[in-house]
Amino acid sequence: MPRLRRTMFFISLLLLGFAGACWWAGNEIASPARRALQDYHREFLAAPAAHGVSVKPFTLSDGTPCLMMEPLPDGRLGPRGDKLREQLQDMALPPPGQMIGTLVLVHGRKGRKEDYLLIGERLCAAGFRCLLPDMPAHGEHPVTTTTFGLREAEIPGRVLAEASSRFGFAAQPAGLLGMSMGGAVSVHAAALANHPWKTLVILSSFDRLETAIEKNVSDRIGATLGSVWQHAAGWFYEWKTGVSLSQIRSDLPAGKLNLPTMIAHGTMDRVIPLESGRRLFDALPKNLEKKWVEVPGADHHNVLITEFPIYATTARWMLEHVK
């Protein structure tokens, strides 16, 4: 009998541990731990001119914190901007310091707007103004949960409209770029009626969040446990947000897009598998101007820092379509 009690005790502990892990996972999907401001963020913000840009913080009427980056009018460039322009020397680039349009850059899950300062440095050097918002449940945004675009679709357009009004620049032409979770938000934003975007770039995003999570977990703990874990975590996510994981789909709004779209994905992505990104691309309308880019050897977290010229590829697409 004591042996049976011990067995039941250990089984109960395992079940409680599994339930706790599922609760943590559901909560982490809805409200990920917020990334703190990093030292390199502070260094950039303390001396933006060293990067060839100016940076102005502002806050939307709904409380969304944002940054506006612009190239310096005297044409000075940072080292990343210099390198990008070298990679694009076959194009007719605007003179350094001149802006030909505006880009809204939407960060990924567990990120924050300051993570895109180095991306903005490069795109400013190519001739764009860059607007960087914190997404709900990230950075300093007051909203505590995220729904991967279902409730956030209007934020990028609001960023563009309010920044244009506040700082007195023309809202057009404008492009939209999003990575991972930010890619899902951006697809939903670009599917809205009367959206302001000339083009869309998506990096390392998914067609269906539920499928991407299950594949990710199953690769680590097996298909059976992975499926159970995903469904249990999904229940906790729905309990917290009122949205089921099965509702979080980017392939459905992707099928409604009417603007040139580039989708790039790392071939070794273990967070959002390559096939998930490819299915998102395949969901785009057949007659749409579109481009699929594979980043060789790139995982989810280093897709922007391999030998592949992803920044030049992205800037080239934006320069060709934001006009």
Protein backbone atom coordinates (compact mmCIF):
# COMPACT_ATOMS: atom_id res chain seq x y z
CA MET A 1 0.00 0.00 0.00
CA PRO A 2 2.74 2.54 0.82
CA ARG A 3 4.26 1.76 -2.59
CA LEU A 4 0.92 2.46 -4.29
CA ARG A 5 0.61 5.75 -2.40
CA ARG A 6 4.10 6.78 -3.48
CA THR A 7 3.30 5.91 -7.08
CA MET A 8 0.07 7.90 -6.96
CA PHE A 9 1.91 10.77 -5.31
CA PHE A 10 4.53 10.89 -8.05
CA ILE A 11 1.86 10.62 -10.77
CA SER A 12 -0.01 13.51 -9.15
CA LEU A 13 3.19 15.56 -9.07
CA LEU A 14 3.81 14.84 -12.74
CA LEU A 15 0.27 15.84 -13.67
CA LEU A 16 0.50 19.01 -11.60
CA GLY A 17 3.86 19.79 -13.18
CA PHE A 18 2.47 19.24 -16.68
CA ALA A 19 -0.58 21.41 -15.91
CA GLY A 20 1.72 24.10 -14.53
CA ALA A 21 3.88 23.95 -17.64
CA CYS A 22 0.80 24.30 -19.85
CA TRP A 23 -0.46 27.24 -17.80
CA TRP A 24 2.95 28.90 -18.06
CA ALA A 25 3.04 28.29 -21.82
CA GLY A 26 -0.45 29.71 -22.40
CA ASN A 27 0.40 32.73 -20.30
CA GLU A 28 3.75 33.16 -22.07
CA ILE A 29 2.05 33.13 -25.48
CA ALA A 30 -0.48 35.74 -24.35
CA SER A 31 1.82 37.88 -22.20
CA PRO A 32 5.50 37.08 -22.84
CA ALA A 33 8.13 38.31 -20.43
CA ARG A 34 8.90 41.85 -21.50
CA ARG A 35 12.36 42.41 -22.89
CA ALA A 36 14.22 45.07 -20.96
CA LEU A 37 16.00 47.96 -22.61
CA GLN A 38 19.48 46.70 -23.52
CA ASP A 39 22.81 48.48 -23.19
CA TYR A 40 23.19 48.69 -26.97
CA HIS A 41 19.75 50.33 -27.15
CA ARG A 42 20.86 52.98 -24.66
CA GLU A 43 24.13 53.55 -26.49
CA PHE A 44 22.31 54.05 -29.80
CA LEU A 45 19.71 56.39 -28.27
CA ALA A 46 22.43 58.42 -26.53
CA ALA A 47 24.23 59.13 -29.82
CA PRO A 48 21.94 58.49 -32.80
CA ALA A 49 23.96 60.84 -35.04
CA ALA A 50 26.82 58.33 -34.89
CA HIS A 51 24.45 56.02 -36.77
CA GLY A 52 23.45 58.66 -39.31
CA VAL A 53 19.95 59.21 -37.91
CA SER A 54 17.84 61.29 -35.57
CA VAL A 55 15.41 59.56 -33.17
CA LYS A 56 12.26 61.14 -31.72
CA PRO A 57 9.99 59.35 -29.23
CA PHE A 58 6.24 59.88 -29.38
CA THR A 59 3.08 58.22 -28.06
CA LEU A 60 -0.12 57.49 -29.94
CA SER A 61 -3.53 58.56 -28.67
CA ASP A 62 -4.16 54.94 -27.61
CA GLY A 63 -0.98 54.85 -25.48
CA THR A 64 1.26 53.03 -27.99
CA PRO A 65 4.89 54.15 -27.47
CA CYS A 66 6.80 54.81 -30.72
CA LEU A 67 10.06 56.07 -32.13
CA MET A 68 10.56 58.03 -35.34
CA MET A 69 13.90 57.62 -37.11
CA GLU A 70 15.01 59.90 -39.92
CA PRO A 71 18.28 60.16 -41.86
CA LEU A 72 20.41 63.17 -41.00
CA PRO A 73 19.77 66.03 -43.47
CA ASP A 74 23.51 66.57 -43.95
CA GLY A 75 23.80 63.06 -45.39
CA ARG A 76 26.10 61.59 -42.72
CA LEU A 77 25.79 57.81 -42.51
CA GLY A 78 26.54 55.22 -39.87
CA PRO A 79 28.67 52.17 -40.70
CA ARG A 80 25.65 49.95 -41.34
CA GLY A 81 24.09 52.52 -43.62
CA ASP A 82 27.35 52.87 -45.54
CA LYS A 83 27.53 49.11 -46.07
CA LEU A 84 23.93 48.91 -47.24
CA ARG A 85 24.39 51.64 -49.82
CA GLU A 86 27.47 49.82 -51.11
CA GLN A 87 25.35 46.69 -51.57
CA LEU A 88 22.77 48.74 -53.50
CA GLN A 89 25.17 50.71 -55.68
CA ASP A 90 23.63 49.22 -58.83
CA MET A 91 20.40 51.10 -58.02
CA ALA A 92 19.56 54.77 -58.47
CA LEU A 93 19.50 55.61 -54.77
CA PRO A 94 18.27 58.91 -53.35
CA PRO A 95 21.10 61.12 -52.10
CA PRO A 96 22.11 60.40 -48.47
CA GLY A 97 19.84 62.33 -46.12
CA GLN A 98 16.91 62.46 -48.53
CA MET A 99 13.66 60.62 -47.73
CA ILE A 100 11.45 59.17 -50.43
CA GLY A 101 8.88 57.52 -48.15
CA THR A 102 8.02 56.11 -44.75
CA LEU A 103 8.23 52.58 -43.37
CA VAL A 104 6.49 51.19 -40.29
CA LEU A 105 8.53 48.37 -38.69
CA VAL A 106 6.67 45.90 -36.47
CA HIS A 107 8.78 43.84 -34.06
CA GLY A 108 8.37 40.19 -33.16
CA ARG A 109 7.28 38.34 -30.05
CA LYS A 110 9.43 39.11 -26.98
CA GLY A 111 10.86 42.10 -28.83
CA ARG A 112 10.46 45.85 -28.45
CA LYS A 113 10.69 48.87 -30.72
CA GLU A 114 14.34 49.56 -29.81
CA ASP A 115 15.32 46.17 -31.26
CA TYR A 116 14.68 47.71 -34.68
CA LEU A 117 17.02 50.67 -34.26
CA LEU A 118 19.77 48.89 -36.19
CA ILE A 119 17.29 47.86 -38.89
CA GLY A 120 16.04 51.43 -39.05
CA GLU A 121 19.61 52.73 -39.39
CA ARG A 122 20.03 50.73 -42.59
CA LEU A 123 16.64 51.58 -44.07
CA CYS A 124 17.06 55.27 -43.26
CA ALA A 125 20.33 55.17 -45.21
CA ALA A 126 18.40 53.80 -48.18
CA GLY A 127 16.11 56.85 -48.11
CA PHE A 128 13.28 56.09 -45.71
CA ARG A 129 11.79 57.50 -42.54
CA CYS A 130 11.17 54.62 -40.11
CA LEU A 131 8.44 54.43 -37.45
CA LEU A 132 8.92 51.88 -34.68
CA PRO A 133 5.99 51.08 -32.33
CA ASP A 134 5.86 48.83 -29.27
CA MET A 135 3.24 46.14 -29.77
CA PRO A 136 0.70 45.22 -27.04
CA ALA A 137 2.23 43.13 -24.22
CA HIS A 138 5.71 44.24 -25.32
CA GLY A 139 8.11 47.02 -24.47
CA GLU A 140 6.27 49.85 -22.69
CA HIS A 141 2.87 49.22 -24.28
CA PRO A 142 0.07 49.48 -21.67
CA VAL A 143 -1.97 46.55 -23.06
CA THR A 144 -1.02 43.27 -21.36
CA THR A 145 -1.93 40.58 -23.93
CA THR A 146 -1.27 39.94 -27.60
CA THR A 147 -3.48 38.29 -30.22
CA PHE A 148 -1.00 38.26 -33.12
CA GLY A 149 -2.89 40.68 -35.32
CA LEU A 150 -6.52 39.91 -34.52
CA ARG A 151 -6.82 42.98 -32.28
CA GLU A 152 -3.67 44.81 -33.36
CA ALA A 153 -4.32 45.19 -37.10
CA GLU A 154 -5.12 48.91 -36.92
CA ILE A 155 -2.00 49.88 -34.96
CA PRO A 156 0.48 50.21 -37.89
CA GLY A 157 -1.89 52.47 -39.84
CA ARG A 158 -2.53 54.55 -36.72
CA VAL A 159 1.23 54.92 -36.21
CA LEU A 160 1.61 56.28 -39.75
CA ALA A 161 -1.40 58.61 -39.56
CA GLU A 162 -0.63 60.10 -36.15
CA ALA A 163 3.10 60.51 -36.82
CA SER A 164 2.33 62.22 -40.13
CA SER A 165 -0.02 64.63 -38.42
CA ARG A 166 2.24 65.29 -35.43
CA PHE A 167 5.50 65.79 -37.31
CA GLY A 168 4.10 67.33 -40.48
CA PHE A 169 5.26 64.94 -43.18
CA ALA A 170 3.29 63.38 -46.04
CA ALA A 171 1.93 59.96 -45.10
CA GLN A 172 2.45 58.66 -48.63
CA PRO A 173 4.18 56.70 -49.95
CA ALA A 174 4.52 54.14 -47.15
CA GLY A 175 5.57 50.53 -46.71
CA LEU A 176 5.08 48.01 -43.92
CA LEU A 177 7.54 45.45 -42.55
CA GLY A 178 6.94 42.88 -39.82
CA MET A 179 8.90 40.00 -38.34
CA SER A 180 7.48 36.85 -36.74
CA MET A 181 4.57 38.02 -34.58
CA GLY A 182 5.01 41.42 -36.21
CA GLY A 183 4.63 39.71 -39.56
CA ALA A 184 1.25 38.36 -38.50
CA VAL A 185 0.19 41.82 -37.31
CA SER A 186 1.38 43.30 -40.60
CA VAL A 187 -0.53 40.79 -42.75
CA HIS A 188 -3.73 41.64 -40.87
CA ALA A 189 -2.96 45.37 -41.20
CA ALA A 190 -2.39 45.10 -44.95
CA ALA A 191 -5.65 43.15 -45.38
CA LEU A 192 -7.74 46.01 -43.98
CA ALA A 193 -9.90 47.94 -46.40
CA ASN A 194 -8.35 51.25 -47.52
CA HIS A 195 -4.97 50.45 -46.00
CA PRO A 196 -2.23 53.01 -46.74
CA TRP A 197 0.57 50.60 -47.72
CA LYS A 198 2.34 50.44 -51.07
CA THR A 199 4.09 47.18 -50.22
CA LEU A 200 4.61 44.60 -47.50
CA VAL A 201 7.66 42.65 -46.30
CA ILE A 202 7.24 39.70 -43.92
CA LEU A 203 10.18 38.01 -42.19
CA SER A 204 9.97 34.59 -40.49
CA SER A 205 6.23 34.48 -39.89
CA PHE A 206 3.55 31.78 -39.91
CA ASP A 207 0.37 30.69 -41.65
CA ARG A 208 -1.34 29.23 -38.55
CA LEU A 209 0.03 29.82 -35.06
CA GLU A 210 -1.51 26.63 -33.68
CA THR A 211 0.21 24.47 -36.30
CA ALA A 212 3.56 26.22 -35.87
CA ILE A 213 3.46 25.75 -32.08
CA GLU A 214 2.50 22.08 -32.31
CA LYS A 215 5.29 21.34 -34.81
CA ASN A 216 7.81 23.22 -32.68
CA VAL A 217 6.87 21.35 -29.49
CA SER A 218 6.45 17.96 -31.15
CA ASP A 219 9.98 18.13 -32.53
CA ARG A 220 11.19 18.43 -28.93
CA ILE A 221 8.95 16.11 -26.89
CA GLY A 222 7.23 13.90 -29.47
CA ALA A 223 4.00 14.15 -31.45
CA THR A 224 1.64 12.77 -28.78
CA LEU A 225 2.85 14.89 -25.88
CA GLY A 226 3.30 17.85 -28.21
CA SER A 227 -0.33 17.72 -29.31
CA VAL A 228 -1.59 17.40 -25.72
CA TRP A 229 0.69 20.22 -24.55
CA GLN A 230 -0.36 22.50 -27.40
CA HIS A 231 -4.09 21.97 -26.77
CA ALA A 232 -3.72 22.50 -23.02
CA ALA A 233 -1.61 25.64 -23.50
CA GLY A 234 -4.19 26.84 -26.03
CA TRP A 235 -6.95 26.46 -23.46
CA PHE A 236 -5.05 28.65 -20.99
CA TYR A 237 -4.32 31.18 -23.76
CA GLU A 238 -8.00 31.37 -24.67
CA TRP A 239 -8.96 31.70 -21.00
CA LYS A 240 -6.65 34.74 -20.72
CA THR A 241 -7.38 36.47 -24.04
CA GLY A 242 -10.81 35.26 -25.16
CA VAL A 243 -9.19 34.17 -28.44
CA SER A 244 -8.45 30.56 -29.38
CA LEU A 245 -5.13 29.63 -30.95
CA SER A 246 -7.03 28.18 -33.91
CA GLN A 247 -8.34 31.69 -34.69
CA ILE A 248 -4.81 33.07 -35.07
CA ARG A 249 -4.26 32.55 -38.77
CA SER A 250 -2.31 34.72 -41.16
CA ASP A 251 -3.14 32.64 -44.23
CA LEU A 252 -6.74 33.90 -44.31
CA PRO A 253 -5.94 37.65 -44.46
CA ALA A 254 -2.96 36.85 -46.73
CA GLY A 255 -5.44 35.58 -49.30
CA LYS A 256 -7.06 39.03 -49.38
CA LEU A 257 -3.91 41.09 -49.95
CA ASN A 258 -3.75 43.45 -52.90
CA LEU A 259 -0.23 44.88 -52.63
CA PRO A 260 3.23 43.64 -53.67
CA THR A 261 4.47 41.30 -50.95
CA MET A 262 7.85 39.78 -50.15
CA ILE A 263 8.15 36.95 -47.63
CA ALA A 264 11.54 35.78 -46.35
CA HIS A 265 12.28 32.83 -44.06
CA GLY A 266 15.33 31.06 -42.66
CA THR A 267 15.83 27.52 -43.94
CA MET A 268 16.77 26.22 -40.46
CA ASP A 269 14.10 28.04 -38.45
CA ARG A 270 13.23 25.90 -35.41
CA VAL A 271 10.66 28.31 -33.97
CA ILE A 272 8.47 28.82 -37.03
CA PRO A 273 9.32 26.06 -39.52
CA LEU A 274 10.18 26.98 -43.09
CA GLU A 275 7.09 25.13 -44.36
CA SER A 276 4.86 27.38 -42.24
CA GLY A 277 6.30 30.47 -43.93
CA ARG A 278 5.99 28.81 -47.32
CA ARG A 279 2.32 28.02 -46.71
CA LEU A 280 1.79 31.68 -45.84
CA PHE A 281 3.39 32.65 -49.15
CA ASP A 282 1.28 30.10 -51.04
CA ALA A 283 -1.86 31.62 -49.47
CA LEU A 284 -1.19 34.93 -51.27
CA PRO A 285 -3.41 35.57 -54.30
CA LYS A 286 -2.03 33.92 -57.42
CA ASN A 287 -2.07 37.12 -59.47
CA LEU A 288 -0.30 39.18 -56.79
CA GLU A 289 3.20 40.55 -57.37
CA LYS A 290 5.13 38.56 -54.78
CA LYS A 291 8.57 37.21 -53.93
CA TRP A 292 9.70 34.26 -51.79
CA VAL A 293 13.19 34.48 -50.25
CA GLU A 294 14.96 31.69 -48.37
CA VAL A 295 17.82 32.69 -46.07
CA PRO A 296 20.26 29.74 -46.18
CA GLY A 297 21.14 28.23 -42.81
CA ALA A 298 19.28 30.88 -40.83
CA ASP A 299 17.36 30.06 -37.65
CA HIS A 300 14.57 32.24 -36.29
CA HIS A 301 16.83 34.36 -34.10
CA ASN A 302 19.68 34.97 -36.55
CA VAL A 303 17.80 35.45 -39.82
CA LEU A 304 19.00 39.06 -39.93
CA ILE A 305 22.66 38.35 -39.13
CA THR A 306 23.87 35.70 -41.59
CA GLU A 307 26.04 36.20 -44.66
CA PHE A 308 22.90 36.45 -46.78
CA PRO A 309 22.23 40.14 -47.72
CA ILE A 310 18.72 40.24 -46.22
CA TYR A 311 18.88 43.98 -45.52
CA ALA A 312 19.86 44.78 -49.10
CA THR A 313 17.16 42.42 -50.40
CA THR A 314 14.56 44.11 -48.18
CA ALA A 315 15.71 47.65 -49.01
CA ARG A 316 15.75 46.88 -52.72
CA TRP A 317 12.14 45.63 -52.54
CA MET A 318 11.05 48.72 -50.62
CA LEU A 319 12.85 51.08 -52.99
CA GLU A 320 11.19 49.45 -55.98
CA HIS A 321 7.66 49.64 -54.53
CA VAL A 322 7.40 52.55 -52.07
CA LYS A 323 6.84 55.27 -54.64
